[in-house]
Amino acid sequence: MELRQFFGRAIGASLGDLALGDDPASAYLADLLTRFARTDHLYPQGFAMPRLETVVDMLLETQAAWENPASFQPEREVVVRRHIGDFTLFMTGIFPERVERTASTRYYIDQGKRAYAFVSEHDRASSRTGGTGAPLYRRLADRFERYVAVLEYARKAHFHDHPQHPFFGLTFG
């Protein structure tokens, strides 16, 4: 079975098990898990530093987008803020123990909600995209804790101990 299908089924089953029904964010969550099955997507390369490994690194990266007027890239901030939302959602739902060891769950949740709200507002105001992604990112911001719970449930019920799962046995220092 293709990885994206595996995650799609796990998220769909988790939403059903939790009586949350058919959620418009389910495809996004499955895509998020698929993307982050590769650590180079989880920890992308930055401009300000070689690799973005923490939320603080990512926040510094958003500042770097504004520091040099000659290489000003406002879209870079949007990309990094979306990654902050994705990273905090993923880590809080899939590896909550690591989040508690290295930071605070509340900090991750607050940063994730703030990041998705920023992306939603940017997309809504953008004439290029017509705001098509704004409702999804607003939903992710407003229901962040719900989606953390969905990911956490999926991890425990559908693939936590499954040896073929890409996150099986993966731990963070």
N, C-alpha and C. Protein backbone atom coordinates (compact mmCIF):
# COMPACT_ATOMS: atom_id res chain seq x y z
N MET A 1 0.84 -1.17 0.00
CA MET A 1 0.00 0.00 0.00
C MET A 1 0.90 1.25 0.00
N GLU A 2 0.53 2.21 -0.78
CA GLU A 2 1.27 3.47 -0.84
C GLU A 2 1.16 4.19 0.51
N LEU A 3 2.23 4.87 0.88
CA LEU A 3 2.29 5.55 2.17
C LEU A 3 1.15 6.55 2.34
N ARG A 4 0.87 7.34 1.32
CA ARG A 4 -0.19 8.36 1.41
C ARG A 4 -1.55 7.69 1.67
N GLN A 5 -1.78 6.55 1.03
CA GLN A 5 -3.04 5.81 1.25
C GLN A 5 -3.10 5.27 2.68
N PHE A 6 -1.97 4.76 3.16
CA PHE A 6 -1.91 4.26 4.53
C PHE A 6 -2.31 5.35 5.52
N PHE A 7 -1.71 6.53 5.37
CA PHE A 7 -2.03 7.62 6.27
C PHE A 7 -3.45 8.13 6.08
N GLY A 8 -3.92 8.17 4.84
CA GLY A 8 -5.29 8.59 4.59
C GLY A 8 -6.30 7.70 5.29
N ARG A 9 -6.06 6.40 5.21
CA ARG A 9 -6.95 5.45 5.89
C ARG A 9 -6.86 5.58 7.40
N ALA A 10 -5.65 5.75 7.91
CA ALA A 10 -5.48 5.88 9.36
C ALA A 10 -6.17 7.14 9.88
N ILE A 11 -6.02 8.25 9.16
CA ILE A 11 -6.67 9.50 9.59
C ILE A 11 -8.19 9.37 9.48
N GLY A 12 -8.66 8.81 8.37
CA GLY A 12 -10.11 8.62 8.20
C GLY A 12 -10.69 7.73 9.30
N ALA A 13 -10.01 6.64 9.60
CA ALA A 13 -10.47 5.74 10.66
C ALA A 13 -10.42 6.42 12.01
N SER A 14 -9.40 7.22 12.25
CA SER A 14 -9.28 7.92 13.52
C SER A 14 -10.41 8.94 13.69
N LEU A 15 -10.69 9.68 12.63
CA LEU A 15 -11.80 10.64 12.69
C LEU A 15 -13.12 9.92 12.96
N GLY A 16 -13.31 8.76 12.32
CA GLY A 16 -14.51 7.97 12.56
C GLY A 16 -14.57 7.44 13.98
N ASP A 17 -13.46 6.89 14.46
CA ASP A 17 -13.40 6.34 15.82
C ASP A 17 -13.69 7.41 16.87
N LEU A 18 -13.24 8.64 16.59
CA LEU A 18 -13.43 9.75 17.53
C LEU A 18 -14.75 10.49 17.30
N ALA A 19 -15.59 9.96 16.41
CA ALA A 19 -16.90 10.54 16.09
C ALA A 19 -16.79 11.97 15.60
N LEU A 20 -15.75 12.25 14.81
CA LEU A 20 -15.55 13.59 14.26
C LEU A 20 -16.02 13.69 12.82
N GLY A 21 -16.45 12.57 12.27
CA GLY A 21 -17.01 12.56 10.92
C GLY A 21 -16.00 12.86 9.84
N ASP A 22 -16.52 13.23 8.69
CA ASP A 22 -15.69 13.56 7.53
C ASP A 22 -15.20 14.99 7.68
N ASP A 23 -13.93 15.16 7.97
CA ASP A 23 -13.37 16.48 8.23
C ASP A 23 -12.62 16.99 7.01
N PRO A 24 -12.84 18.25 6.64
CA PRO A 24 -12.15 18.80 5.46
C PRO A 24 -10.62 18.82 5.58
N ALA A 25 -10.11 18.71 6.79
CA ALA A 25 -8.65 18.74 6.98
C ALA A 25 -8.04 17.35 6.92
N SER A 26 -8.83 16.30 6.73
CA SER A 26 -8.27 14.94 6.78
C SER A 26 -7.22 14.71 5.70
N ALA A 27 -7.45 15.18 4.50
CA ALA A 27 -6.46 15.01 3.42
C ALA A 27 -5.18 15.76 3.76
N TYR A 28 -5.32 16.94 4.35
CA TYR A 28 -4.13 17.72 4.73
C TYR A 28 -3.32 16.96 5.78
N LEU A 29 -3.99 16.37 6.76
CA LEU A 29 -3.29 15.62 7.81
C LEU A 29 -2.57 14.41 7.22
N ALA A 30 -3.21 13.71 6.30
CA ALA A 30 -2.56 12.56 5.66
C ALA A 30 -1.35 13.02 4.85
N ASP A 31 -1.48 14.14 4.14
CA ASP A 31 -0.35 14.68 3.38
C ASP A 31 0.78 15.11 4.31
N LEU A 32 0.43 15.70 5.44
CA LEU A 32 1.43 16.12 6.42
C LEU A 32 2.23 14.91 6.91
N LEU A 33 1.56 13.84 7.27
CA LEU A 33 2.26 12.64 7.73
C LEU A 33 3.14 12.06 6.63
N THR A 34 2.65 12.08 5.42
CA THR A 34 3.42 11.56 4.29
C THR A 34 4.68 12.39 4.07
N ARG A 35 4.53 13.71 4.08
CA ARG A 35 5.69 14.59 3.89
C ARG A 35 6.73 14.38 4.99
N PHE A 36 6.27 14.31 6.23
CA PHE A 36 7.20 14.26 7.36
C PHE A 36 7.74 12.85 7.62
N ALA A 37 7.33 11.88 6.83
CA ALA A 37 7.95 10.56 6.92
C ALA A 37 9.41 10.65 6.49
N ARG A 38 9.74 11.72 5.78
CA ARG A 38 11.14 12.00 5.39
C ARG A 38 11.67 13.11 6.29
N THR A 39 12.75 12.85 7.00
CA THR A 39 13.26 13.84 7.95
C THR A 39 13.76 15.11 7.27
N ASP A 40 14.16 15.04 6.00
CA ASP A 40 14.61 16.27 5.35
C ASP A 40 13.43 17.22 5.13
N HIS A 41 12.20 16.72 5.14
CA HIS A 41 11.03 17.59 5.07
C HIS A 41 10.66 18.09 6.46
N LEU A 42 10.92 17.29 7.47
CA LEU A 42 10.65 17.69 8.85
C LEU A 42 11.61 18.78 9.29
N TYR A 43 12.86 18.66 8.89
CA TYR A 43 13.91 19.62 9.25
C TYR A 43 14.50 20.21 7.97
N PRO A 44 13.81 21.16 7.35
CA PRO A 44 14.31 21.70 6.07
C PRO A 44 15.52 22.60 6.25
N GLN A 45 16.15 22.87 5.14
CA GLN A 45 17.29 23.78 5.12
C GLN A 45 16.76 25.21 5.21
N GLY A 46 17.47 26.04 5.94
CA GLY A 46 17.07 27.43 6.08
C GLY A 46 18.06 28.36 5.43
N PHE A 47 17.69 29.63 5.37
CA PHE A 47 18.61 30.66 4.89
C PHE A 47 19.47 31.17 6.04
N ALA A 48 18.85 31.36 7.20
CA ALA A 48 19.55 31.91 8.35
C ALA A 48 20.47 30.89 9.02
N MET A 49 20.14 29.63 8.88
CA MET A 49 20.94 28.55 9.45
C MET A 49 20.83 27.32 8.57
N PRO A 50 21.77 26.41 8.67
CA PRO A 50 21.80 25.28 7.73
C PRO A 50 20.57 24.36 7.80
N ARG A 51 20.01 24.19 8.98
CA ARG A 51 18.89 23.26 9.13
C ARG A 51 17.96 23.77 10.22
N LEU A 52 16.67 23.81 9.92
CA LEU A 52 15.68 24.30 10.89
C LEU A 52 15.19 23.12 11.72
N GLU A 53 15.66 23.05 12.97
CA GLU A 53 15.36 21.90 13.80
C GLU A 53 14.43 22.19 14.97
N THR A 54 14.29 23.46 15.34
CA THR A 54 13.43 23.81 16.46
C THR A 54 12.48 24.92 16.04
N VAL A 55 11.45 25.12 16.83
CA VAL A 55 10.51 26.21 16.56
C VAL A 55 11.24 27.54 16.63
N VAL A 56 12.16 27.68 17.55
CA VAL A 56 12.93 28.92 17.65
C VAL A 56 13.75 29.15 16.38
N ASP A 57 14.39 28.10 15.85
CA ASP A 57 15.11 28.22 14.58
C ASP A 57 14.17 28.74 13.48
N MET A 58 12.97 28.20 13.46
CA MET A 58 12.00 28.57 12.43
C MET A 58 11.54 30.02 12.60
N LEU A 59 11.34 30.45 13.84
CA LEU A 59 10.96 31.84 14.08
C LEU A 59 12.09 32.79 13.68
N LEU A 60 13.32 32.39 13.94
CA LEU A 60 14.46 33.20 13.50
C LEU A 60 14.52 33.27 11.98
N GLU A 61 14.14 32.19 11.33
CA GLU A 61 14.11 32.15 9.87
C GLU A 61 13.08 33.15 9.32
N THR A 62 11.94 33.29 10.01
CA THR A 62 10.95 34.27 9.54
C THR A 62 11.49 35.69 9.65
N GLN A 63 12.26 35.96 10.68
CA GLN A 63 12.89 37.28 10.81
C GLN A 63 13.92 37.51 9.73
N ALA A 64 14.67 36.48 9.38
CA ALA A 64 15.71 36.61 8.36
C ALA A 64 15.13 37.00 7.01
N ALA A 65 13.88 36.62 6.76
CA ALA A 65 13.25 36.98 5.49
C ALA A 65 13.11 38.49 5.33
N TRP A 66 13.11 39.21 6.45
CA TRP A 66 12.90 40.66 6.41
C TRP A 66 14.18 41.47 6.62
N GLU A 67 15.26 40.83 7.00
CA GLU A 67 16.46 41.56 7.41
C GLU A 67 17.25 42.21 6.28
N ASN A 68 17.37 41.57 5.15
CA ASN A 68 18.17 42.11 4.07
C ASN A 68 17.24 42.63 2.96
N PRO A 69 17.13 43.96 2.82
CA PRO A 69 16.22 44.51 1.81
C PRO A 69 16.57 44.07 0.38
N ALA A 70 17.81 43.77 0.12
CA ALA A 70 18.22 43.35 -1.22
C ALA A 70 17.69 41.97 -1.57
N SER A 71 17.51 41.12 -0.57
CA SER A 71 17.02 39.77 -0.83
C SER A 71 15.68 39.53 -0.12
N PHE A 72 14.90 40.59 0.03
CA PHE A 72 13.61 40.52 0.71
C PHE A 72 12.69 39.51 0.01
N GLN A 73 12.19 38.55 0.80
CA GLN A 73 11.32 37.51 0.26
C GLN A 73 10.14 37.28 1.21
N PRO A 74 9.08 38.08 1.07
CA PRO A 74 7.95 37.91 1.98
C PRO A 74 7.29 36.53 1.87
N GLU A 75 7.33 35.91 0.69
CA GLU A 75 6.75 34.58 0.54
C GLU A 75 7.51 33.53 1.38
N ARG A 76 8.78 33.80 1.62
CA ARG A 76 9.57 32.88 2.45
C ARG A 76 8.98 32.82 3.85
N GLU A 77 8.53 33.95 4.36
CA GLU A 77 7.92 33.94 5.69
C GLU A 77 6.67 33.08 5.71
N VAL A 78 5.87 33.15 4.68
CA VAL A 78 4.65 32.35 4.61
C VAL A 78 4.99 30.86 4.60
N VAL A 79 5.98 30.49 3.81
CA VAL A 79 6.41 29.09 3.74
C VAL A 79 6.90 28.60 5.11
N VAL A 80 7.69 29.42 5.78
CA VAL A 80 8.23 29.02 7.08
C VAL A 80 7.12 28.97 8.13
N ARG A 81 6.22 29.92 8.10
CA ARG A 81 5.11 29.91 9.08
C ARG A 81 4.21 28.68 8.87
N ARG A 82 3.97 28.32 7.62
CA ARG A 82 3.19 27.09 7.38
C ARG A 82 3.96 25.90 7.96
N HIS A 83 5.27 25.88 7.76
CA HIS A 83 6.07 24.78 8.29
C HIS A 83 6.01 24.77 9.83
N ILE A 84 6.00 25.93 10.45
CA ILE A 84 5.88 25.99 11.92
C ILE A 84 4.56 25.33 12.34
N GLY A 85 3.48 25.68 11.66
CA GLY A 85 2.19 25.05 11.98
C GLY A 85 2.25 23.55 11.79
N ASP A 86 2.78 23.11 10.66
CA ASP A 86 2.87 21.69 10.36
C ASP A 86 3.76 20.96 11.36
N PHE A 87 4.92 21.54 11.63
CA PHE A 87 5.89 20.92 12.53
C PHE A 87 5.32 20.77 13.94
N THR A 88 4.71 21.85 14.46
CA THR A 88 4.18 21.79 15.82
C THR A 88 3.00 20.83 15.92
N LEU A 89 2.17 20.79 14.89
CA LEU A 89 1.04 19.85 14.88
C LEU A 89 1.56 18.41 14.84
N PHE A 90 2.48 18.15 13.95
CA PHE A 90 3.05 16.82 13.81
C PHE A 90 3.75 16.37 15.10
N MET A 91 4.63 17.19 15.61
CA MET A 91 5.41 16.79 16.79
C MET A 91 4.51 16.62 18.01
N THR A 92 3.55 17.51 18.19
CA THR A 92 2.67 17.43 19.36
C THR A 92 1.76 16.21 19.28
N GLY A 93 1.34 15.85 18.06
CA GLY A 93 0.46 14.69 17.91
C GLY A 93 1.19 13.37 17.83
N ILE A 94 2.34 13.33 17.18
CA ILE A 94 3.05 12.07 16.95
C ILE A 94 4.15 11.81 17.98
N PHE A 95 4.83 12.83 18.42
CA PHE A 95 5.92 12.68 19.40
C PHE A 95 5.73 13.61 20.59
N PRO A 96 4.60 13.50 21.31
CA PRO A 96 4.36 14.41 22.44
C PRO A 96 5.40 14.29 23.55
N GLU A 97 5.97 13.11 23.70
CA GLU A 97 6.99 12.92 24.75
C GLU A 97 8.22 13.78 24.47
N ARG A 98 8.59 13.86 23.21
CA ARG A 98 9.75 14.68 22.84
C ARG A 98 9.45 16.17 23.06
N VAL A 99 8.26 16.58 22.70
CA VAL A 99 7.88 17.98 22.90
C VAL A 99 7.99 18.34 24.37
N GLU A 100 7.49 17.48 25.24
CA GLU A 100 7.54 17.75 26.68
C GLU A 100 8.97 17.74 27.21
N ARG A 101 9.84 16.94 26.61
CA ARG A 101 11.24 16.90 27.07
C ARG A 101 12.02 18.13 26.63
N THR A 102 11.69 18.68 25.48
CA THR A 102 12.51 19.76 24.92
C THR A 102 11.87 21.14 24.98
N ALA A 103 10.58 21.20 25.16
CA ALA A 103 9.90 22.50 25.16
C ALA A 103 8.66 22.36 26.04
N SER A 104 7.59 22.94 25.59
CA SER A 104 6.32 22.83 26.29
C SER A 104 5.22 22.61 25.26
N THR A 105 4.32 21.73 25.57
CA THR A 105 3.22 21.46 24.66
C THR A 105 2.42 22.73 24.41
N ARG A 106 2.18 23.51 25.45
CA ARG A 106 1.41 24.76 25.30
C ARG A 106 2.12 25.71 24.34
N TYR A 107 3.44 25.80 24.44
CA TYR A 107 4.21 26.66 23.53
C TYR A 107 4.04 26.20 22.09
N TYR A 108 4.14 24.90 21.86
CA TYR A 108 3.98 24.35 20.51
C TYR A 108 2.58 24.63 19.99
N ILE A 109 1.57 24.40 20.82
CA ILE A 109 0.19 24.65 20.40
C ILE A 109 -0.01 26.12 20.06
N ASP A 110 0.47 27.01 20.92
CA ASP A 110 0.32 28.45 20.67
C ASP A 110 1.02 28.87 19.38
N GLN A 111 2.23 28.38 19.17
CA GLN A 111 2.98 28.74 17.96
C GLN A 111 2.32 28.15 16.71
N GLY A 112 1.83 26.93 16.81
CA GLY A 112 1.15 26.31 15.68
C GLY A 112 -0.11 27.05 15.29
N LYS A 113 -0.92 27.39 16.28
CA LYS A 113 -2.16 28.14 16.01
C LYS A 113 -1.84 29.50 15.39
N ARG A 114 -0.86 30.17 15.95
CA ARG A 114 -0.46 31.49 15.44
C ARG A 114 0.05 31.38 14.00
N ALA A 115 0.82 30.35 13.72
CA ALA A 115 1.38 30.18 12.37
C ALA A 115 0.28 29.91 11.35
N TYR A 116 -0.62 29.01 11.67
CA TYR A 116 -1.71 28.71 10.73
C TYR A 116 -2.62 29.92 10.54
N ALA A 117 -2.86 30.69 11.60
CA ALA A 117 -3.68 31.90 11.47
C ALA A 117 -3.01 32.90 10.54
N PHE A 118 -1.69 33.04 10.66
CA PHE A 118 -0.93 33.94 9.78
C PHE A 118 -1.07 33.50 8.33
N VAL A 119 -0.88 32.20 8.07
CA VAL A 119 -0.97 31.69 6.70
C VAL A 119 -2.38 31.89 6.15
N SER A 120 -3.37 31.67 6.99
CA SER A 120 -4.76 31.87 6.57
C SER A 120 -5.01 33.32 6.18
N GLU A 121 -4.56 34.24 7.00
CA GLU A 121 -4.76 35.67 6.71
C GLU A 121 -3.98 36.09 5.47
N HIS A 122 -2.79 35.59 5.33
CA HIS A 122 -1.99 35.92 4.14
C HIS A 122 -2.70 35.41 2.88
N ASP A 123 -3.17 34.17 2.95
CA ASP A 123 -3.84 33.60 1.78
C ASP A 123 -5.14 34.34 1.47
N ARG A 124 -5.87 34.70 2.49
CA ARG A 124 -7.13 35.43 2.30
C ARG A 124 -6.88 36.77 1.62
N ALA A 125 -5.79 37.43 2.01
CA ALA A 125 -5.48 38.75 1.47
C ALA A 125 -4.76 38.70 0.12
N SER A 126 -4.28 37.54 -0.25
CA SER A 126 -3.50 37.41 -1.47
C SER A 126 -4.41 37.38 -2.69
N SER A 127 -4.14 38.27 -3.63
CA SER A 127 -4.96 38.30 -4.84
C SER A 127 -4.54 37.19 -5.80
N ARG A 128 -3.31 36.69 -5.66
CA ARG A 128 -2.82 35.63 -6.56
C ARG A 128 -3.58 34.33 -6.38
N THR A 129 -3.80 33.92 -5.15
CA THR A 129 -4.42 32.62 -4.92
C THR A 129 -5.93 32.73 -4.74
N GLY A 130 -6.41 33.95 -4.56
CA GLY A 130 -7.84 34.11 -4.36
C GLY A 130 -8.31 33.61 -3.00
N GLY A 131 -7.37 33.34 -2.11
CA GLY A 131 -7.73 32.92 -0.75
C GLY A 131 -8.26 31.50 -0.65
N THR A 132 -7.94 30.65 -1.61
CA THR A 132 -8.50 29.30 -1.62
C THR A 132 -8.07 28.45 -0.43
N GLY A 133 -6.87 28.67 0.10
CA GLY A 133 -6.41 27.88 1.23
C GLY A 133 -6.77 28.48 2.58
N ALA A 134 -7.27 29.72 2.58
CA ALA A 134 -7.55 30.42 3.83
C ALA A 134 -8.49 29.63 4.76
N PRO A 135 -9.61 29.09 4.26
CA PRO A 135 -10.49 28.36 5.18
C PRO A 135 -9.83 27.14 5.83
N LEU A 136 -9.01 26.43 5.07
CA LEU A 136 -8.33 25.26 5.63
C LEU A 136 -7.36 25.68 6.74
N TYR A 137 -6.54 26.69 6.48
CA TYR A 137 -5.57 27.11 7.49
C TYR A 137 -6.26 27.73 8.70
N ARG A 138 -7.38 28.42 8.50
CA ARG A 138 -8.16 28.96 9.63
C ARG A 138 -8.69 27.80 10.45
N ARG A 139 -9.17 26.76 9.77
CA ARG A 139 -9.68 25.57 10.47
C ARG A 139 -8.57 24.91 11.29
N LEU A 140 -7.39 24.78 10.68
CA LEU A 140 -6.25 24.20 11.40
C LEU A 140 -5.89 25.03 12.63
N ALA A 141 -5.94 26.36 12.50
CA ALA A 141 -5.64 27.24 13.64
C ALA A 141 -6.71 27.10 14.73
N ASP A 142 -7.97 27.15 14.33
CA ASP A 142 -9.07 27.14 15.30
C ASP A 142 -9.26 25.79 15.98
N ARG A 143 -8.90 24.72 15.30
CA ARG A 143 -9.12 23.36 15.84
C ARG A 143 -7.80 22.63 16.05
N PHE A 144 -6.77 23.36 16.32
CA PHE A 144 -5.42 22.79 16.44
C PHE A 144 -5.39 21.63 17.44
N GLU A 145 -5.93 21.84 18.63
CA GLU A 145 -5.89 20.81 19.65
C GLU A 145 -6.66 19.56 19.21
N ARG A 146 -7.75 19.75 18.47
CA ARG A 146 -8.52 18.61 17.96
C ARG A 146 -7.65 17.78 17.02
N TYR A 147 -6.90 18.45 16.15
CA TYR A 147 -6.08 17.71 15.20
C TYR A 147 -4.87 17.07 15.88
N VAL A 148 -4.37 17.67 16.93
CA VAL A 148 -3.33 17.01 17.73
C VAL A 148 -3.89 15.70 18.28
N ALA A 149 -5.12 15.75 18.80
CA ALA A 149 -5.74 14.55 19.36
C ALA A 149 -5.97 13.49 18.28
N VAL A 150 -6.33 13.90 17.08
CA VAL A 150 -6.53 12.95 15.98
C VAL A 150 -5.21 12.25 15.65
N LEU A 151 -4.13 13.04 15.54
CA LEU A 151 -2.82 12.45 15.24
C LEU A 151 -2.37 11.52 16.37
N GLU A 152 -2.58 11.96 17.60
CA GLU A 152 -2.18 11.14 18.74
C GLU A 152 -2.96 9.82 18.76
N TYR A 153 -4.24 9.90 18.49
CA TYR A 153 -5.07 8.70 18.44
C TYR A 153 -4.61 7.79 17.30
N ALA A 154 -4.37 8.37 16.13
CA ALA A 154 -3.91 7.57 14.99
C ALA A 154 -2.61 6.86 15.32
N ARG A 155 -1.71 7.56 15.97
CA ARG A 155 -0.43 6.97 16.36
C ARG A 155 -0.65 5.77 17.27
N LYS A 156 -1.51 5.93 18.26
CA LYS A 156 -1.73 4.86 19.23
C LYS A 156 -2.56 3.71 18.67
N ALA A 157 -3.59 4.04 17.92
CA ALA A 157 -4.53 3.01 17.48
C ALA A 157 -4.18 2.36 16.15
N HIS A 158 -3.52 3.09 15.27
CA HIS A 158 -3.37 2.58 13.92
C HIS A 158 -1.94 2.28 13.48
N PHE A 159 -0.95 2.91 14.13
CA PHE A 159 0.38 2.57 13.65
C PHE A 159 1.50 2.74 14.65
N HIS A 160 1.21 2.92 15.87
CA HIS A 160 2.27 3.12 16.86
C HIS A 160 3.20 1.92 16.95
N ASP A 161 2.63 0.73 17.00
CA ASP A 161 3.46 -0.47 17.14
C ASP A 161 3.55 -1.28 15.86
N HIS A 162 3.25 -0.67 14.76
CA HIS A 162 3.28 -1.37 13.47
C HIS A 162 4.68 -1.27 12.88
N PRO A 163 5.41 -2.38 12.76
CA PRO A 163 6.81 -2.32 12.32
C PRO A 163 7.01 -1.79 10.90
N GLN A 164 5.97 -1.78 10.08
CA GLN A 164 6.12 -1.23 8.73
C GLN A 164 5.82 0.27 8.68
N HIS A 165 5.38 0.81 9.79
CA HIS A 165 5.07 2.24 9.82
C HIS A 165 6.36 3.06 9.78
N PRO A 166 6.43 4.14 9.01
CA PRO A 166 7.67 4.90 8.88
C PRO A 166 8.14 5.57 10.16
N PHE A 167 7.23 5.76 11.13
CA PHE A 167 7.65 6.39 12.38
C PHE A 167 7.94 5.36 13.47
N PHE A 168 7.77 4.07 13.16
CA PHE A 168 8.00 3.01 14.14
C PHE A 168 9.46 3.03 14.59
N GLY A 169 9.66 3.06 15.87
CA GLY A 169 11.01 3.01 16.41
C GLY A 169 11.78 4.31 16.31
N LEU A 170 11.20 5.33 15.69
CA LEU A 170 11.89 6.60 15.56
C LEU A 170 11.77 7.36 16.86
N THR A 171 12.88 7.70 17.42
CA THR A 171 12.87 8.49 18.64
C THR A 171 13.76 9.70 18.46
N PHE A 172 13.54 10.68 19.28
CA PHE A 172 14.33 11.90 19.24
C PHE A 172 15.05 12.06 20.56
N GLY A 173 16.33 12.28 20.47
CA GLY A 173 17.20 12.46 21.60
C GLY A 173 16.66 13.11 22.74
